[in-house]
Protein backbone atom coordinates (compact mmCIF):
# COMPACT_ATOMS: atom_id res chain seq x y z
CA UNK A 1 -1.20 11.90 -27.35
CA UNK A 2 -4.41 10.59 -25.77
CA UNK A 3 -6.91 8.19 -27.24
CA UNK A 4 -9.61 10.79 -27.78
CA UNK A 5 -7.22 12.71 -30.01
CA UNK A 6 -6.62 9.61 -32.09
CA UNK A 7 -10.34 8.92 -32.26
CA UNK A 8 -10.95 12.36 -33.72
CA UNK A 9 -8.12 12.23 -36.23
CA UNK A 10 -8.90 8.72 -37.45
CA UNK A 11 -12.41 9.62 -38.60
CA UNK A 12 -12.75 9.89 -42.37
CA UNK A 13 -15.35 11.56 -44.56
CA UNK A 14 -16.75 10.49 -47.86
CA UNK A 15 -14.23 12.43 -49.93
CA UNK A 16 -11.35 10.63 -48.30
CA UNK A 17 -13.03 7.27 -48.84
CA UNK A 18 -13.37 7.88 -52.53
CA UNK A 19 -9.70 8.82 -52.92
CA UNK A 20 -8.21 5.69 -51.41
CA UNK A 21 -5.44 4.25 -53.50
CA UNK A 22 -2.39 2.06 -53.25
CA UNK A 23 -1.84 -1.10 -51.28
CA UNK A 24 -4.13 -1.86 -48.33
CA UNK A 25 -2.77 -1.80 -44.77
CA UNK A 26 -3.55 -4.75 -42.47
CA UNK A 27 -3.06 -4.18 -38.73
CA UNK A 28 -2.93 -6.80 -35.99
CA UNK A 29 -4.75 -6.23 -32.71
CA UNK A 30 -3.20 -8.01 -29.73
CA UNK A 31 0.36 -6.86 -29.08
CA UNK A 32 0.26 -4.57 -32.12
CA UNK A 33 -2.51 -1.98 -31.93
CA UNK A 34 -2.99 -2.76 -28.24
CA UNK A 35 -0.15 -3.68 -25.90
CA UNK A 36 -1.31 -6.96 -24.42
CA UNK A 37 -4.36 -9.14 -25.01
CA UNK A 38 -7.71 -7.41 -25.48
CA UNK A 39 -9.67 -10.42 -24.26
CA UNK A 40 -7.81 -10.43 -20.94
CA UNK A 41 -8.16 -6.67 -20.64
CA UNK A 42 -11.92 -6.91 -20.92
CA UNK A 43 -12.08 -9.94 -18.62
CA UNK A 44 -10.17 -7.99 -16.00
CA UNK A 45 -12.54 -5.04 -16.34
CA UNK A 46 -15.44 -7.37 -15.56
CA UNK A 47 -13.66 -8.81 -12.54
CA UNK A 48 -12.97 -5.31 -11.23
CA UNK A 49 -16.67 -4.48 -11.44
CA UNK A 50 -17.81 -7.89 -10.13
CA UNK A 51 -14.94 -9.56 -8.20
CA UNK A 52 -16.78 -12.85 -7.71
CA UNK A 53 -16.66 -13.41 -11.48
CA UNK A 54 -12.98 -14.28 -11.04
CA UNK A 55 -14.08 -17.75 -9.93
CA UNK A 56 -16.27 -18.10 -13.04
CA UNK A 57 -13.44 -17.46 -15.51
CA UNK A 58 -12.15 -21.08 -15.54
CA UNK A 59 -15.65 -22.32 -16.44
CA UNK A 60 -15.89 -19.71 -19.20
CA UNK A 61 -12.57 -20.95 -20.58
CA UNK A 62 -13.90 -24.51 -20.55
CA UNK A 63 -16.81 -23.49 -22.79
CA UNK A 64 -14.45 -22.20 -25.46
CA UNK A 65 -12.95 -18.89 -26.49
CA UNK A 66 -15.90 -17.88 -28.69
CA UNK A 67 -18.43 -18.32 -25.88
CA UNK A 68 -16.61 -16.29 -23.31
CA UNK A 69 -15.64 -13.64 -25.89
CA UNK A 70 -19.35 -13.09 -26.38
CA UNK A 71 -19.93 -13.13 -22.62
CA UNK A 72 -17.28 -10.50 -21.96
CA UNK A 73 -17.70 -8.26 -24.97
CA UNK A 74 -21.44 -7.70 -24.46
CA UNK A 75 -21.01 -6.22 -21.01
CA UNK A 76 -22.44 -2.68 -21.18
CA UNK A 77 -19.79 -1.28 -18.82
CA UNK A 78 -16.66 -2.10 -20.81
CA UNK A 79 -14.62 0.93 -21.84
CA UNK A 80 -12.36 0.54 -24.90
CA UNK A 81 -10.75 3.92 -24.14
CA UNK A 82 -9.00 2.39 -21.11
CA UNK A 83 -6.98 -0.06 -23.22
CA UNK A 84 -3.18 0.42 -23.57
CA UNK A 85 -3.05 1.49 -27.21
CA UNK A 86 0.33 1.77 -28.86
CA UNK A 87 0.39 5.44 -29.77
CA UNK A 88 3.15 5.04 -32.35
CA UNK A 89 0.87 2.66 -34.29
CA UNK A 90 -2.12 5.00 -33.95
CA UNK A 91 0.00 7.89 -35.21
CA UNK A 92 0.92 5.88 -38.32
CA UNK A 93 -2.69 4.86 -38.91
CA UNK A 94 -3.81 8.48 -38.61
CA UNK A 95 -1.24 9.48 -41.22
CA UNK A 96 -2.24 6.69 -43.61
CA UNK A 97 -5.93 7.42 -43.20
CA UNK A 98 -5.30 11.07 -44.07
CA UNK A 99 -3.75 9.84 -47.33
CA UNK A 100 -6.90 7.86 -48.14
CA UNK A 101 -5.44 4.42 -47.61
CA UNK A 102 -7.66 1.41 -46.89
CA UNK A 103 -6.95 0.05 -43.39
CA UNK A 104 -8.10 -3.37 -42.16
CA UNK A 105 -8.07 -4.54 -38.53
CA UNK A 106 -7.06 -8.18 -38.16
CA UNK A 107 -7.68 -10.10 -34.92
CA UNK A 108 -7.17 -13.77 -34.22
CA UNK A 109 -10.08 -13.95 -31.77
CA UNK A 110 -13.82 -13.41 -31.93
CA UNK A 111 -15.12 -10.49 -33.99
CA UNK A 112 -17.06 -8.97 -31.10
CA UNK A 113 -13.80 -7.97 -29.37
CA UNK A 114 -12.35 -6.21 -32.42
CA UNK A 115 -15.68 -4.56 -33.24
CA UNK A 116 -15.72 -2.61 -29.98
CA UNK A 117 -12.24 -1.23 -30.65
CA UNK A 118 -12.85 -0.54 -34.35
CA UNK A 119 -16.01 1.43 -33.54
CA UNK A 120 -14.18 3.35 -30.81
CA UNK A 121 -11.26 4.40 -33.04
CA UNK A 122 -13.27 4.82 -36.22
CA UNK A 123 -10.32 4.54 -38.59
CA UNK A 124 -10.84 1.03 -39.99
CA UNK A 125 -12.60 0.25 -43.25
CA UNK A 126 -12.91 -3.46 -42.61
CA UNK A 127 -12.23 -6.09 -39.98
CA UNK A 128 -11.09 -9.72 -40.18
CA UNK A 129 -11.49 -12.01 -37.18
CA UNK A 130 -11.68 -15.58 -35.99
CA UNK A 131 -15.07 -17.22 -35.65
CA UNK A 132 -14.75 -18.43 -32.05
CA UNK A 133 -14.17 -22.04 -33.14
CA UNK A 134 -11.03 -21.40 -35.21
CA UNK A 135 -8.48 -18.67 -34.58
CA UNK A 136 -7.31 -16.48 -37.43
CA UNK A 137 -3.59 -17.31 -37.38
CA UNK A 138 -0.79 -18.53 -39.62
CA UNK A 139 -1.67 -19.63 -43.14
CA UNK A 140 -5.38 -19.10 -42.57
CA UNK A 141 -4.71 -15.44 -41.75
CA UNK A 142 -2.55 -15.16 -44.87
CA UNK A 143 -5.34 -16.57 -47.06
CA UNK A 144 -7.87 -14.10 -45.66
CA UNK A 145 -5.49 -11.16 -46.12
CA UNK A 146 -4.55 -12.14 -49.69
CA UNK A 147 -8.23 -12.47 -50.53
CA UNK A 148 -8.88 -9.04 -49.04
CA UNK A 149 -5.94 -7.45 -50.87
CA UNK A 150 -6.82 -9.01 -54.24
CA UNK A 151 -4.08 -8.45 -56.77
CA UNK A 152 -2.61 -5.50 -54.89
CA UNK A 153 0.50 -5.75 -52.75
CA UNK A 154 -0.21 -5.18 -49.06
CA UNK A 155 1.49 -3.87 -45.96
CA UNK A 156 1.20 -5.68 -42.64
CA UNK A 157 1.77 -4.49 -39.07
CA UNK A 158 2.17 -7.31 -36.55
CA UNK A 159 3.83 -8.50 -33.39
CA UNK A 160 3.70 -12.30 -33.12
CA UNK A 161 5.85 -15.14 -34.39
CA UNK A 162 2.70 -16.77 -35.78
CA UNK A 163 2.50 -13.87 -38.27
CA UNK A 164 5.66 -14.93 -40.13
CA UNK A 165 3.73 -16.35 -43.17
CA UNK A 166 1.93 -13.01 -43.56
CA UNK A 167 5.15 -11.06 -43.08
CA UNK A 168 6.90 -13.10 -45.79
CA UNK A 169 4.09 -12.49 -48.30
CA UNK A 170 3.78 -8.76 -47.60
CA UNK A 171 5.42 -6.07 -49.69
CA UNK A 172 6.36 -4.27 -46.48
CA UNK A 173 6.07 -5.29 -42.85
CA UNK A 174 6.23 -3.42 -39.57
CA UNK A 175 6.95 -5.30 -36.36
CA UNK A 176 5.84 -3.67 -33.12
CA UNK A 177 8.02 -4.45 -30.08
CA UNK A 178 9.13 -7.84 -31.47
CA UNK A 179 11.46 -10.26 -29.78
CA UNK A 180 15.06 -10.09 -31.09
CA UNK A 181 14.73 -13.52 -32.75
CA UNK A 182 11.49 -12.55 -34.52
CA UNK A 183 12.99 -9.27 -35.74
CA UNK A 184 16.04 -11.04 -37.17
CA UNK A 185 13.91 -13.69 -38.91
CA UNK A 186 11.46 -11.15 -40.37
CA UNK A 187 14.24 -9.03 -41.86
CA UNK A 188 15.41 -12.08 -43.80
CA UNK A 189 11.93 -12.54 -45.33
CA UNK A 190 10.90 -9.06 -46.48
CA UNK A 191 11.51 -5.34 -46.20
CA UNK A 192 10.81 -4.87 -42.53
CA UNK A 193 11.00 -2.02 -40.03
CA UNK A 194 10.87 -2.18 -36.24
CA UNK A 195 8.57 0.06 -34.23
CA UNK A 196 9.17 0.48 -30.52
CA UNK A 197 11.67 -1.30 -28.33
CA UNK A 198 11.34 -4.59 -26.51
CA UNK A 199 12.11 -4.82 -22.81
CA UNK A 200 12.89 -8.22 -21.29
CA UNK A 201 9.99 -9.92 -19.54
CA UNK A 202 12.23 -10.63 -16.54
CA UNK A 203 12.73 -6.90 -16.04
CA UNK A 204 8.96 -6.32 -16.10
CA UNK A 205 8.47 -9.07 -13.52
CA UNK A 206 11.14 -7.68 -11.19
CA UNK A 207 9.75 -4.15 -11.38
CA UNK A 208 6.24 -5.43 -10.64
CA UNK A 209 7.50 -7.20 -7.49
CA UNK A 210 8.62 -3.80 -6.10
CA UNK A 211 11.54 -5.26 -4.11
CA UNK A 212 12.41 -1.81 -2.73
CA UNK A 213 9.19 -2.06 -0.67
CA UNK A 214 10.45 -5.21 1.06
CA UNK A 215 12.30 -2.98 3.51
CA UNK A 216 8.92 -2.42 5.20
CA UNK A 217 8.96 -6.05 6.31
CA UNK A 218 11.89 -5.36 8.64
CA UNK A 219 9.12 -4.27 11.01
CA UNK A 220 8.76 -7.95 11.85
CA UNK A 221 12.06 -7.71 13.72
CA UNK A 222 10.90 -4.86 15.98
CA UNK A 223 9.36 -7.04 18.76
CA UNK A 224 12.48 -9.25 18.85
CA UNK A 225 14.79 -6.23 19.01
CA UNK A 226 12.81 -4.57 21.79
CA UNK A 227 12.72 -7.86 23.73
CA UNK A 228 16.49 -8.32 23.13
CA UNK A 229 16.10 -11.79 21.58
CA UNK A 230 16.79 -10.97 17.93
CA UNK A 231 20.40 -12.25 17.98
CA UNK A 232 19.53 -15.71 19.30
CA UNK A 233 20.29 -18.22 16.48
CA UNK A 234 16.76 -19.66 16.35
CA UNK A 235 15.11 -16.23 16.53
CA UNK A 236 17.40 -14.87 13.81
CA UNK A 237 16.57 -17.76 11.44
CA UNK A 238 12.84 -17.52 12.17
CA UNK A 239 12.84 -13.78 11.52
CA UNK A 240 14.69 -14.25 8.24
CA UNK A 241 12.12 -16.78 7.03
CA UNK A 242 9.23 -14.61 8.26
CA UNK A 243 10.53 -11.50 6.50
CA UNK A 244 11.02 -13.46 3.27
CA UNK A 245 7.50 -14.89 3.61
CA UNK A 246 5.95 -11.45 4.02
CA UNK A 247 8.01 -10.11 1.11
CA UNK A 248 6.70 -12.79 -1.26
CA UNK A 249 3.09 -12.31 -0.14
CA UNK A 250 3.43 -8.51 -0.29
CA UNK A 251 4.72 -8.74 -3.86
CA UNK A 252 1.73 -10.93 -4.76
CA UNK A 253 -0.53 -8.22 -3.34
CA UNK A 254 1.31 -5.51 -5.31
CA UNK A 255 0.77 -7.42 -8.56
CA UNK A 256 -2.94 -7.93 -7.74
CA UNK A 257 -3.28 -4.25 -6.92
CA UNK A 258 -1.72 -3.31 -10.27
CA UNK A 259 -4.17 -5.64 -12.04
CA UNK A 260 -7.17 -4.13 -10.27
CA UNK A 261 -6.00 -0.52 -10.78
CA UNK A 262 -5.03 -0.75 -14.46
CA UNK A 263 -7.40 1.90 -15.90
CA UNK A 264 -6.64 4.39 -13.10
CA UNK A 265 -2.88 3.72 -13.25
CA UNK A 266 -2.85 4.50 -16.97
CA UNK A 267 -4.17 7.98 -16.19
CA UNK A 268 -1.70 8.59 -13.36
CA UNK A 269 1.41 10.67 -14.16
CA UNK A 270 3.85 8.17 -12.60
CA UNK A 271 1.96 4.89 -12.20
CA UNK A 272 1.36 4.75 -15.96
CA UNK A 273 5.00 3.63 -16.26
CA UNK A 274 4.36 0.38 -14.37
CA UNK A 275 4.89 -2.74 -16.54
CA UNK A 276 1.25 -3.84 -16.40
CA UNK A 277 -0.06 -0.38 -17.21
CA UNK A 278 2.28 -0.15 -20.22
CA UNK A 279 1.44 -3.64 -21.42
CA UNK A 280 5.00 -4.91 -20.87
CA UNK A 281 3.77 -7.62 -18.49
CA UNK A 282 0.95 -9.77 -19.96
CA UNK A 283 -2.12 -10.09 -17.75
CA UNK A 284 -2.09 -13.94 -17.70
CA UNK A 285 1.57 -13.83 -16.67
CA UNK A 286 0.76 -11.34 -13.90
CA UNK A 287 -2.08 -13.52 -12.57
CA UNK A 288 0.15 -16.61 -12.57
CA UNK A 289 2.93 -14.58 -10.92
CA UNK A 290 0.65 -13.39 -8.11
CA UNK A 291 -0.68 -16.91 -7.42
CA UNK A 292 2.85 -18.36 -7.45
CA UNK A 293 4.19 -15.72 -5.06
CA UNK A 294 1.32 -16.22 -2.64
CA UNK A 295 1.71 -20.02 -2.74
CA UNK A 296 5.49 -19.75 -2.24
CA UNK A 297 4.93 -17.43 0.72
CA UNK A 298 2.50 -19.83 2.37
CA UNK A 299 4.79 -22.82 1.83
CA UNK A 300 7.69 -20.89 3.31
CA UNK A 301 5.53 -19.80 6.24
CA UNK A 302 4.72 -23.44 6.98
CA UNK A 303 8.40 -23.94 7.80
CA UNK A 304 7.84 -21.87 10.94
CA UNK A 305 6.22 -23.49 13.95
CA UNK A 306 3.72 -20.68 14.54
CA UNK A 307 0.13 -21.20 13.41
CA UNK A 308 -0.64 -17.65 14.53
CA UNK A 309 2.01 -16.28 12.16
CA UNK A 310 0.51 -18.20 9.23
CA UNK A 311 -2.96 -16.85 10.01
CA UNK A 312 -1.56 -13.34 10.21
CA UNK A 313 0.04 -13.78 6.78
CA UNK A 314 -3.31 -14.89 5.33
CA UNK A 315 -5.01 -12.03 7.15
CA UNK A 316 -2.53 -9.55 5.71
CA UNK A 317 -3.16 -10.80 2.16
CA UNK A 318 -6.95 -10.83 2.60
CA UNK A 319 -6.99 -7.33 4.10
CA UNK A 320 -4.71 -5.95 1.40
CA UNK A 321 -6.90 -7.44 -1.35
CA UNK A 322 -10.05 -6.12 0.35
CA UNK A 323 -8.36 -2.74 0.44
CA UNK A 324 -7.65 -2.88 -3.31
CA UNK A 325 -11.21 -3.95 -4.11
CA UNK A 326 -13.35 -1.93 -1.70
CA UNK A 327 -11.76 -0.38 1.39
CA UNK A 328 -9.69 2.26 -0.42
CA UNK A 329 -12.96 3.86 -1.47
CA UNK A 330 -14.05 4.36 2.17
CA UNK A 331 -13.30 7.78 3.65
CA UNK A 332 -10.68 7.65 6.45
CA UNK A 333 -11.07 3.87 6.74
CA UNK A 334 -8.63 3.47 3.86
CA UNK A 335 -5.98 5.38 5.84
CA UNK A 336 -6.64 3.34 8.99
CA UNK A 337 -6.29 0.09 7.02
CA UNK A 338 -2.98 1.25 5.52
CA UNK A 339 -1.63 1.97 8.99
CA UNK A 340 -3.07 -1.31 10.26
CA UNK A 341 -1.15 -3.31 7.67
CA UNK A 342 2.08 -1.96 9.17
CA UNK A 343 0.89 -2.87 12.67
CA UNK A 344 -0.01 -6.36 11.47
CA UNK A 345 3.61 -6.89 10.51
CA UNK A 346 4.65 -6.09 14.09
CA UNK A 347 2.11 -8.59 15.43
CA UNK A 348 3.45 -11.24 13.04
CA UNK A 349 7.03 -10.57 14.15
CA UNK A 350 6.03 -11.08 17.77
CA UNK A 351 4.27 -14.35 16.90
CA UNK A 352 7.38 -15.70 15.15
CA UNK A 353 9.72 -15.26 18.13
CA UNK A 354 7.10 -15.86 20.81
CA UNK A 355 7.16 -12.28 22.16
CA UNK A 356 4.00 -10.55 23.31
CA UNK A 357 3.56 -7.18 21.63
CA UNK A 358 3.14 -4.54 24.33
CA UNK A 359 0.40 -1.91 24.44
CA UNK A 360 3.13 0.73 24.31
CA UNK A 361 4.40 -0.57 20.97
CA UNK A 362 0.88 -0.85 19.57
CA UNK A 363 0.02 2.72 20.57
CA UNK A 364 3.27 4.13 19.21
CA UNK A 365 3.11 2.25 15.91
CA UNK A 366 -0.59 3.10 15.49
CA UNK A 367 -0.04 6.85 15.70
CA UNK A 368 3.27 6.78 13.81
CA UNK A 369 1.95 4.81 10.83
CA UNK A 370 -1.28 6.79 10.75
CA UNK A 371 0.88 9.87 10.28
CA UNK A 372 2.69 8.20 7.35
CA UNK A 373 -0.60 7.02 5.83
CA UNK A 374 -2.05 10.54 5.96
CA UNK A 375 1.18 11.84 4.39
CA UNK A 376 0.81 9.34 1.56
CA UNK A 377 -2.77 10.43 0.92
CA UNK A 378 -1.79 14.09 1.08
CA UNK A 379 0.93 13.59 -1.51
CA UNK A 380 -1.37 11.66 -3.85
CA UNK A 381 -4.15 14.21 -3.58
CA UNK A 382 -1.78 17.16 -4.01
CA UNK A 383 -0.21 15.50 -7.08
CA UNK A 384 -3.67 14.86 -8.56
CA UNK A 385 -4.57 18.50 -7.97
CA UNK A 386 -1.36 19.64 -9.65
CA UNK A 387 -2.00 17.38 -12.66
CA UNK A 388 -5.60 18.55 -12.96
CA UNK A 389 -7.04 15.10 -12.24
CA UNK A 390 -10.57 15.01 -10.73
CA UNK A 391 -9.76 12.46 -8.00
CA UNK A 392 -6.80 10.50 -6.64
CA UNK A 393 -5.89 7.72 -9.04
CA UNK A 394 -9.43 7.69 -10.39
CA UNK A 395 -10.99 5.72 -7.51
CA UNK A 396 -10.54 7.58 -4.21
CA UNK A 397 -13.39 9.16 -2.20
CA UNK A 398 -11.62 12.47 -1.53
CA UNK A 399 -11.66 16.00 -2.93
CA UNK A 400 -9.03 18.70 -2.83
CA UNK A 401 -10.81 20.32 0.10
CA UNK A 402 -9.59 17.37 2.23
CA UNK A 403 -5.94 18.39 1.99
CA UNK A 404 -6.23 20.48 5.15
CA UNK A 405 -7.73 17.55 7.09
CA UNK A 406 -4.86 15.30 6.02
CA UNK A 407 -2.31 17.90 7.09
CA UNK A 408 -3.83 18.42 10.53
CA UNK A 409 -4.52 14.74 11.25
CA UNK A 410 -1.16 13.57 9.91
CA UNK A 411 0.97 15.99 11.91
CA UNK A 412 -1.14 15.42 15.04
CA UNK A 413 -0.69 11.63 14.82
CA UNK A 414 3.05 12.07 14.34
CA UNK A 415 3.35 14.26 17.44
CA UNK A 416 1.22 11.82 19.45
CA UNK A 417 3.65 9.04 18.57
CA UNK A 418 6.46 11.11 20.12
CA UNK A 419 4.33 11.59 23.25
CA UNK A 420 3.72 7.84 23.53
CA UNK A 421 7.46 7.22 23.18
CA UNK A 422 8.20 9.70 25.98
CA UNK A 423 5.63 8.08 28.28
CA UNK A 424 7.10 4.66 27.55
CA UNK A 425 10.65 5.80 28.32
CA UNK A 426 9.38 7.16 31.64
CA UNK A 427 7.65 3.87 32.55
CA UNK A 428 9.02 1.24 34.93
CA UNK A 429 9.06 -1.38 32.16
CA UNK A 430 12.01 0.36 30.49
CA UNK A 431 14.29 0.10 33.53
CA UNK A 432 14.04 -3.69 33.55
CA UNK A 433 15.00 -3.98 29.85
CA UNK A 434 17.78 -1.40 29.46
CA UNK A 435 21.00 -0.85 31.39
CA UNK A 436 21.14 2.82 30.42
CA UNK A 437 17.47 3.79 30.03
CA UNK A 438 18.15 7.54 30.22
CA UNK A 439 19.91 7.36 26.85
CA UNK A 440 16.55 6.57 25.26
CA UNK A 441 15.42 10.15 25.88
CA UNK A 442 17.62 11.11 22.93
CA UNK A 443 15.16 9.28 20.70
CA UNK A 444 12.43 11.85 21.31
CA UNK A 445 14.13 14.85 19.66
CA UNK A 446 15.35 12.60 16.85
CA UNK A 447 11.84 11.34 16.13
CA UNK A 448 10.36 14.81 16.49
CA UNK A 449 12.90 16.17 14.00
CA UNK A 450 12.22 13.41 11.48
CA UNK A 451 8.42 13.70 11.63
CA UNK A 452 8.33 17.49 11.36
CA UNK A 453 10.95 17.55 8.61
CA UNK A 454 9.09 14.86 6.65
CA UNK A 455 5.83 16.79 6.88
CA UNK A 456 7.51 20.02 5.80
CA UNK A 457 8.81 18.24 2.70
CA UNK A 458 5.39 16.67 2.12
CA UNK A 459 3.67 20.05 2.29
CA UNK A 460 6.25 21.49 -0.10
CA UNK A 461 5.71 18.60 -2.51
CA UNK A 462 9.36 17.59 -2.28
CA UNK A 463 8.74 14.04 -0.97
CA UNK A 464 7.69 11.02 -3.00
CA UNK A 465 4.16 9.62 -2.93
CA UNK A 466 5.28 6.93 -0.49
CA UNK A 467 7.03 8.40 2.61
CA UNK A 468 8.69 5.06 3.41
CA UNK A 469 10.30 4.87 -0.04
CA UNK A 470 11.30 8.52 0.30
CA UNK A 471 12.98 7.82 3.65
CA UNK A 472 15.10 5.06 2.09
CA UNK A 473 16.56 7.56 -0.38
CA UNK A 474 16.80 10.53 1.96
CA UNK A 475 20.22 11.05 3.59
CA UNK A 476 18.80 12.81 6.64
CA UNK A 477 16.33 9.97 7.23
CA UNK A 478 19.08 7.37 6.94
CA UNK A 479 21.19 9.35 9.42
CA UNK A 480 18.30 9.44 11.89
CA UNK A 481 17.84 5.67 11.49
CA UNK A 482 21.55 5.08 12.16
CA UNK A 483 21.54 7.30 15.25
CA UNK A 484 18.37 5.60 16.54
CA UNK A 485 19.92 2.14 16.20
CA UNK A 486 23.11 3.34 17.90
CA UNK A 487 21.23 4.85 20.86
CA UNK A 488 19.13 1.71 21.37
CA UNK A 489 22.26 -0.47 21.20
CA UNK A 490 24.10 1.67 23.77
CA UNK A 491 21.09 1.70 26.06
CA UNK A 492 20.90 -2.11 25.97
């Protein structure tokens, strides 16, 4: 059920207002009505619109919660409909409102944050909030609620451990996605029900890291393999550290991308299941996680004796963040940047082992990864079209008329990569590196088969949105990879 539906159903007319009876219902905001922290949600919306404000956030914090609540909440561009509302709570509120019950929104922070949400949903009769100087928590929250309830018993819906005094005094309590310890304690205090299930934070962190994408960083080993130096002890150790470095930095970029794409991801049929989009991973935790991963990657990269590699790592992170903020909204340039990030990995692998990346490898990888990037865009756009969405992920510069361009350009780039491979095999450079260079000709039909088969599946909609991830789960792709490695080994 979408938010607009809840907004309509939560409205009440005068007749319903007059017939309210029974105990009032008090509903928490952060973690209860909304999965996550509303203040951080709005702060992130501002940073998405004005990225340089990220550096102002620490100074806003220093001035106090009330000041920066006012600063954030009065932005005219903030959209309360993009918040991750807990639909099970909204369903219950809709039911109670239909029965004429008085419903009060309770938020620990400044009133301006809760006011935006209350006006958007339209189902609250009253709101209680902190004053900016003192948060509405613990016994102070209980006093305010008891004063609002008068002599009537009241029901409370909450999420936090700090709500235990209110839970104990309530006639009935509902805990939304509580921790196991909080659920056990609350059930000892009052009649309590549990709404939703709690998933461990560690699981949310691991999913956000996207470790299955780390396989892409094996591209760093390509220059060493082609130069036949990968099995030297020093080269092997350096490559291991380099791949781990890129994996940590790439995960930091993935987390940042999820933070920047939150509203669009929540509208996407599959990306809405990501931990950040669902509110399972708190925004402050995600920011700290991204900074820690990036710092760990840089520290690990310092263990290598290549300044060029370290600069390439920083360049990768900067380019990927620029892509998330601006470049993905640029027609065609977004696809070129995606392919370039793969090529940058190959450059970094060459820098680690001291191997110069040849023009042949650059040309081949450029066309090959452009083909994959166009396939990724094609899949996203086709999926958006199927789901009836107006644009890809809410922030892409394409229309459905561009599908034909993606198909033509993607298949053409794939076929050009096969041509470059054939020209390379026929060059004199190959005969100095391989004992059986003629065996390499077997790579051409293998690559041609894989590219054409992948594009057929893409056009049918049978591949995933990321061709690389699809290849890791596709038996035919794994067989082609095994045969390719075997042919190269025999040729060496």
